[in-house]
Each structure stands twice: as C-alpha cells, then as structure tokens.
C-alpha cells in the first residue's frame, strides 16, 4: 500500500503533546507560591511553546 500524506487539518499526536505541555505550564504559572524568577521562566517557556505551535 502506498503511504498517503496527512490531510490538511489532521490533528496529530505531536500537536496534542504540545497542547498538554502548554496547559501544564499555564497551570504551574497559576501557583501562588512562585518566585518572580520562576514566573519569568515559565512565561518565557510558554511564549516559546506558543511560537512553536504558531499561536503567538
């Protein structure tokens, strides 16, 4: 059988994984006991993930 290319709009495992990572980071960001340095680090990581996902 010939492999077909994924159709446009197909939701992949990698996209799901990226979304779950982003949700986890956002959840950690909502923690009230974060230091300013931890908060800044999380915000940078969230921005980097959003850019990779194309939602920046």
PDB file of N, CA and C in Angstrom:
ATOM      1  N   UNK A   1       0.829  -1.185   0.000  1.00  0.00           N
ATOM      2  CA  UNK A   1       0.000   0.000   0.000  1.00  0.00           C
ATOM      3  C   UNK A   1       0.866   1.238   0.000  1.00  0.00           C
ATOM      4  N   UNK A   2       0.404   2.228  -0.660  1.00  0.00           N
ATOM      5  CA  UNK A   2       1.109   3.495  -0.738  1.00  0.00           C
ATOM      6  C   UNK A   2       0.745   4.366   0.460  1.00  0.00           C
ATOM      7  N   UNK A   3       1.769   4.992   1.055  1.00  0.00           N
ATOM      8  CA  UNK A   3       1.506   5.878   2.192  1.00  0.00           C
ATOM      9  C   UNK A   3       0.922   7.188   1.674  1.00  0.00           C
ATOM     10  N   UNK A   4      -0.119   7.629   2.311  1.00  0.00           N
ATOM     11  CA  UNK A   4      -0.678   8.909   1.926  1.00  0.00           C
ATOM     12  C   UNK A   4      -0.207   9.968   2.905  1.00  0.00           C
ATOM     13  N   UNK A   5      -0.059  11.183   2.420  1.00  0.00           N
ATOM     14  CA  UNK A   5       0.347  12.280   3.281  1.00  0.00           C
ATOM     15  C   UNK A   5      -0.822  12.678   4.165  1.00  0.00           C
ATOM     16  N   UNK A   6      -0.524  13.165   5.376  1.00  0.00           N
ATOM     17  CA  UNK A   6      -1.619  13.588   6.253  1.00  0.00           C
ATOM     18  C   UNK A   6      -2.429  14.700   5.601  1.00  0.00           C
ATOM     19  N   UNK A   7      -3.717  14.610   5.771  1.00  0.00           N
ATOM     20  CA  UNK A   7      -4.563  15.629   5.173  1.00  0.00           C
ATOM     21  C   UNK A   7      -4.454  16.912   5.979  1.00  0.00           C
ATOM     22  N   UNK A   8      -4.739  18.001   5.326  1.00  0.00           N
ATOM     23  CA  UNK A   8      -4.705  19.305   5.984  1.00  0.00           C
ATOM     24  C   UNK A   8      -5.756  19.324   7.084  1.00  0.00           C
ATOM     25  N   UNK A   9      -5.352  19.801   8.259  1.00  0.00           N
ATOM     26  CA  UNK A   9      -6.286  19.863   9.361  1.00  0.00           C
ATOM     27  C   UNK A   9      -6.290  18.633  10.233  1.00  0.00           C
ATOM     28  N   UNK A  10      -5.477  17.637   9.919  1.00  0.00           N
ATOM     29  CA  UNK A  10      -5.428  16.426  10.738  1.00  0.00           C
ATOM     30  C   UNK A  10      -4.703  16.737  12.038  1.00  0.00           C
ATOM     31  N   UNK A  11      -5.281  16.355  13.128  1.00  0.00           N
ATOM     32  CA  UNK A  11      -4.741  16.599  14.468  1.00  0.00           C
ATOM     33  C   UNK A  11      -3.772  15.482  14.815  1.00  0.00           C
ATOM     34  N   UNK A  12      -2.521  15.839  15.095  1.00  0.00           N
ATOM     35  CA  UNK A  12      -1.505  14.823  15.321  1.00  0.00           C
ATOM     36  C   UNK A  12      -1.188  14.643  16.808  1.00  0.00           C
ATOM     37  N   UNK A  13      -0.501  13.567  17.098  1.00  0.00           N
ATOM     38  CA  UNK A  13      -0.069  13.288  18.475  1.00  0.00           C
ATOM     39  C   UNK A  13       0.882  14.369  18.968  1.00  0.00           C
ATOM     40  N   UNK A  14       1.739  14.863  18.090  1.00  0.00           N
ATOM     41  CA  UNK A  14       2.675  15.917  18.482  1.00  0.00           C
ATOM     42  C   UNK A  14       1.940  17.195  18.857  1.00  0.00           C
ATOM     43  N   UNK A  15       0.908  17.527  18.122  1.00  0.00           N
ATOM     44  CA  UNK A  15       0.125  18.723  18.452  1.00  0.00           C
ATOM     45  C   UNK A  15      -0.563  18.551  19.801  1.00  0.00           C
ATOM     46  N   UNK A  16      -1.099  17.373  20.048  1.00  0.00           N
ATOM     47  CA  UNK A  16      -1.736  17.093  21.326  1.00  0.00           C
ATOM     48  C   UNK A  16      -0.717  17.215  22.458  1.00  0.00           C
ATOM     49  N   UNK A  17       0.448  16.658  22.245  1.00  0.00           N
ATOM     50  CA  UNK A  17       1.507  16.706  23.257  1.00  0.00           C
ATOM     51  C   UNK A  17       1.889  18.150  23.561  1.00  0.00           C
ATOM     52  N   UNK A  18       2.077  18.962  22.526  1.00  0.00           N
ATOM     53  CA  UNK A  18       2.425  20.368  22.725  1.00  0.00           C
ATOM     54  C   UNK A  18       1.342  21.101  23.510  1.00  0.00           C
ATOM     55  N   UNK A  19       0.101  20.804  23.211  1.00  0.00           N
ATOM     56  CA  UNK A  19      -1.003  21.438  23.934  1.00  0.00           C
ATOM     57  C   UNK A  19      -0.997  21.051  25.403  1.00  0.00           C
ATOM     58  N   UNK A  20      -0.724  19.778  25.689  1.00  0.00           N
ATOM     59  CA  UNK A  20      -0.700  19.327  27.083  1.00  0.00           C
ATOM     60  C   UNK A  20       0.473  19.945  27.843  1.00  0.00           C
ATOM     61  N   UNK A  21       1.599  20.088  27.186  1.00  0.00           N
ATOM     62  CA  UNK A  21       2.742  20.752  27.808  1.00  0.00           C
ATOM     63  C   UNK A  21       2.386  22.202  28.116  1.00  0.00           C
ATOM     64  N   UNK A  22       1.766  22.872  27.164  1.00  0.00           N
ATOM     65  CA  UNK A  22       1.371  24.266  27.361  1.00  0.00           C
ATOM     66  C   UNK A  22       0.372  24.402  28.509  1.00  0.00           C
ATOM     67  N   UNK A  23      -0.595  23.508  28.571  1.00  0.00           N
ATOM     68  CA  UNK A  23      -1.562  23.553  29.670  1.00  0.00           C
ATOM     69  C   UNK A  23      -0.887  23.325  31.020  1.00  0.00           C
ATOM     70  N   UNK A  24       0.070  22.414  31.059  1.00  0.00           N
ATOM     71  CA  UNK A  24       0.799  22.161  32.288  1.00  0.00           C
ATOM     72  C   UNK A  24       1.598  23.374  32.745  1.00  0.00           C
ATOM     73  N   UNK A  25       2.220  24.050  31.791  1.00  0.00           N
ATOM     74  CA  UNK A  25       2.975  25.262  32.117  1.00  0.00           C
ATOM     75  C   UNK A  25       2.050  26.357  32.635  1.00  0.00           C
ATOM     76  N   UNK A  26       0.902  26.504  31.984  1.00  0.00           N
ATOM     77  CA  UNK A  26      -0.055  27.520  32.415  1.00  0.00           C
ATOM     78  C   UNK A  26      -0.600  27.209  33.805  1.00  0.00           C
ATOM     79  N   UNK A  27      -0.794  25.936  34.099  1.00  0.00           N
ATOM     80  CA  UNK A  27      -1.266  25.545  35.424  1.00  0.00           C
ATOM     81  C   UNK A  27      -0.214  25.862  36.487  1.00  0.00           C
ATOM     82  N   UNK A  28       1.041  25.553  36.174  1.00  0.00           N
ATOM     83  CA  UNK A  28       2.128  25.875  37.104  1.00  0.00           C
ATOM     84  C   UNK A  28       2.228  27.376  37.324  1.00  0.00           C
ATOM     85  N   UNK A  29       1.970  28.160  36.276  1.00  0.00           N
ATOM     86  CA  UNK A  29       2.041  29.615  36.370  1.00  0.00           C
ATOM     87  C   UNK A  29       0.996  30.160  37.337  1.00  0.00           C
ATOM     88  N   UNK A  30      -0.107  29.471  37.498  1.00  0.00           N
ATOM     89  CA  UNK A  30      -1.177  29.952  38.373  1.00  0.00           C
ATOM     90  C   UNK A  30      -0.909  29.660  39.852  1.00  0.00           C
ATOM     91  N   UNK A  31       0.197  28.974  40.135  1.00  0.00           N
ATOM     92  CA  UNK A  31       0.538  28.658  41.520  1.00  0.00           C
ATOM     93  C   UNK A  31       0.880  29.939  42.283  1.00  0.00           C
ATOM     94  N   UNK A  32       0.286  30.145  43.448  1.00  0.00           N
ATOM     95  CA  UNK A  32       0.509  31.394  44.191  1.00  0.00           C
ATOM     96  C   UNK A  32       1.882  31.493  44.861  1.00  0.00           C
ATOM     97  N   UNK A  33       2.608  30.391  44.986  1.00  0.00           N
ATOM     98  CA  UNK A  33       3.885  30.429  45.689  1.00  0.00           C
ATOM     99  C   UNK A  33       5.107  30.474  44.772  1.00  0.00           C
ATOM    100  N   UNK A  34       4.939  30.982  43.545  1.00  0.00           N
ATOM    101  CA  UNK A  34       6.061  31.109  42.614  1.00  0.00           C
ATOM    102  C   UNK A  34       6.892  32.339  42.957  1.00  0.00           C
ATOM    103  N   UNK A  35       8.202  32.187  42.798  1.00  0.00           N
ATOM    104  CA  UNK A  35       9.073  33.348  42.932  1.00  0.00           C
ATOM    105  C   UNK A  35       8.996  34.131  41.623  1.00  0.00           C
ATOM    106  N   UNK A  36       9.380  35.403  41.652  1.00  0.00           N
ATOM    107  CA  UNK A  36       9.384  36.177  40.386  1.00  0.00           C
ATOM    108  C   UNK A  36      10.259  35.530  39.307  1.00  0.00           C
ATOM    109  N   UNK A  37      11.359  34.921  39.708  1.00  0.00           N
ATOM    110  CA  UNK A  37      12.245  34.273  38.737  1.00  0.00           C
ATOM    111  C   UNK A  37      11.565  33.057  38.103  1.00  0.00           C
ATOM    112  N   UNK A  38      10.873  32.272  38.920  1.00  0.00           N
ATOM    113  CA  UNK A  38      10.155  31.106  38.394  1.00  0.00           C
ATOM    114  C   UNK A  38       9.040  31.546  37.451  1.00  0.00           C
ATOM    115  N   UNK A  39       8.343  32.598  37.827  1.00  0.00           N
ATOM    116  CA  UNK A  39       7.261  33.103  36.993  1.00  0.00           C
ATOM    117  C   UNK A  39       7.794  33.581  35.645  1.00  0.00           C
ATOM    118  N   UNK A  40       8.900  34.301  35.681  1.00  0.00           N
ATOM    119  CA  UNK A  40       9.500  34.790  34.438  1.00  0.00           C
ATOM    120  C   UNK A  40       9.947  33.630  33.556  1.00  0.00           C
ATOM    121  N   UNK A  41      10.547  32.618  34.173  1.00  0.00           N
ATOM    122  CA  UNK A  41      10.991  31.447  33.427  1.00  0.00           C
ATOM    123  C   UNK A  41       9.811  30.725  32.771  1.00  0.00           C
ATOM    124  N   UNK A  42       8.728  30.561  33.516  1.00  0.00           N
ATOM    125  CA  UNK A  42       7.531  29.910  32.965  1.00  0.00           C
ATOM    126  C   UNK A  42       6.944  30.720  31.814  1.00  0.00           C
ATOM    127  N   UNK A  43       6.897  32.039  31.970  1.00  0.00           N
ATOM    128  CA  UNK A  43       6.356  32.889  30.900  1.00  0.00           C
ATOM    129  C   UNK A  43       7.186  32.767  29.630  1.00  0.00           C
ATOM    130  N   UNK A  44       8.507  32.692  29.769  1.00  0.00           N
ATOM    131  CA  UNK A  44       9.377  32.526  28.598  1.00  0.00           C
ATOM    132  C   UNK A  44       9.139  31.178  27.933  1.00  0.00           C
ATOM    133  N   UNK A  45       8.999  30.138  28.749  1.00  0.00           N
ATOM    134  CA  UNK A  45       8.768  28.802  28.201  1.00  0.00           C
ATOM    135  C   UNK A  45       7.406  28.719  27.512  1.00  0.00           C
ATOM    136  N   UNK A  46       6.402  29.357  28.096  1.00  0.00           N
ATOM    137  CA  UNK A  46       5.072  29.392  27.475  1.00  0.00           C
ATOM    138  C   UNK A  46       5.144  30.113  26.138  1.00  0.00           C
ATOM    139  N   UNK A  47       5.831  31.256  26.098  1.00  0.00           N
ATOM    140  CA  UNK A  47       5.961  32.014  24.847  1.00  0.00           C
ATOM    141  C   UNK A  47       6.679  31.189  23.784  1.00  0.00           C
ATOM    142  N   UNK A  48       7.721  30.459  24.188  1.00  0.00           N
ATOM    143  CA  UNK A  48       8.465  29.629  23.234  1.00  0.00           C
ATOM    144  C   UNK A  48       7.578  28.511  22.679  1.00  0.00           C
ATOM    145  N   UNK A  49       6.808  27.868  23.557  1.00  0.00           N
ATOM    146  CA  UNK A  49       5.905  26.809  23.097  1.00  0.00           C
ATOM    147  C   UNK A  49       4.812  27.352  22.197  1.00  0.00           C
ATOM    148  N   UNK A  50       4.256  28.493  22.540  1.00  0.00           N
ATOM    149  CA  UNK A  50       3.227  29.090  21.694  1.00  0.00           C
ATOM    150  C   UNK A  50       3.771  29.435  20.320  1.00  0.00           C
ATOM    151  N   UNK A  51       5.014  29.918  20.280  1.00  0.00           N
ATOM    152  CA  UNK A  51       5.621  30.238  18.996  1.00  0.00           C
ATOM    153  C   UNK A  51       5.803  28.976  18.154  1.00  0.00           C
ATOM    154  N   UNK A  52       6.252  27.892  18.784  1.00  0.00           N
ATOM    155  CA  UNK A  52       6.422  26.624  18.069  1.00  0.00           C
ATOM    156  C   UNK A  52       5.092  26.127  17.518  1.00  0.00           C
ATOM    157  N   UNK A  53       4.022  26.384  18.278  1.00  0.00           N
ATOM    158  CA  UNK A  53       2.693  25.925  17.867  1.00  0.00           C
ATOM    159  C   UNK A  53       2.054  26.873  16.855  1.00  0.00           C
ATOM    160  N   UNK A  54       2.654  28.052  16.672  1.00  0.00           N
ATOM    161  CA  UNK A  54       2.091  29.010  15.734  1.00  0.00           C
ATOM    162  C   UNK A  54       0.905  29.780  16.285  1.00  0.00           C
ATOM    163  N   UNK A  55       0.844  29.937  17.614  1.00  0.00           N
ATOM    164  CA  UNK A  55      -0.291  30.659  18.201  1.00  0.00           C
ATOM    165  C   UNK A  55       0.164  31.908  18.931  1.00  0.00           C
ATOM    166  N   UNK A  56       1.350  32.395  18.602  1.00  0.00           N
ATOM    167  CA  UNK A  56       1.849  33.598  19.262  1.00  0.00           C
ATOM    168  C   UNK A  56       1.279  34.845  18.662  1.00  0.00           C
TER     169      UNK A  56
END
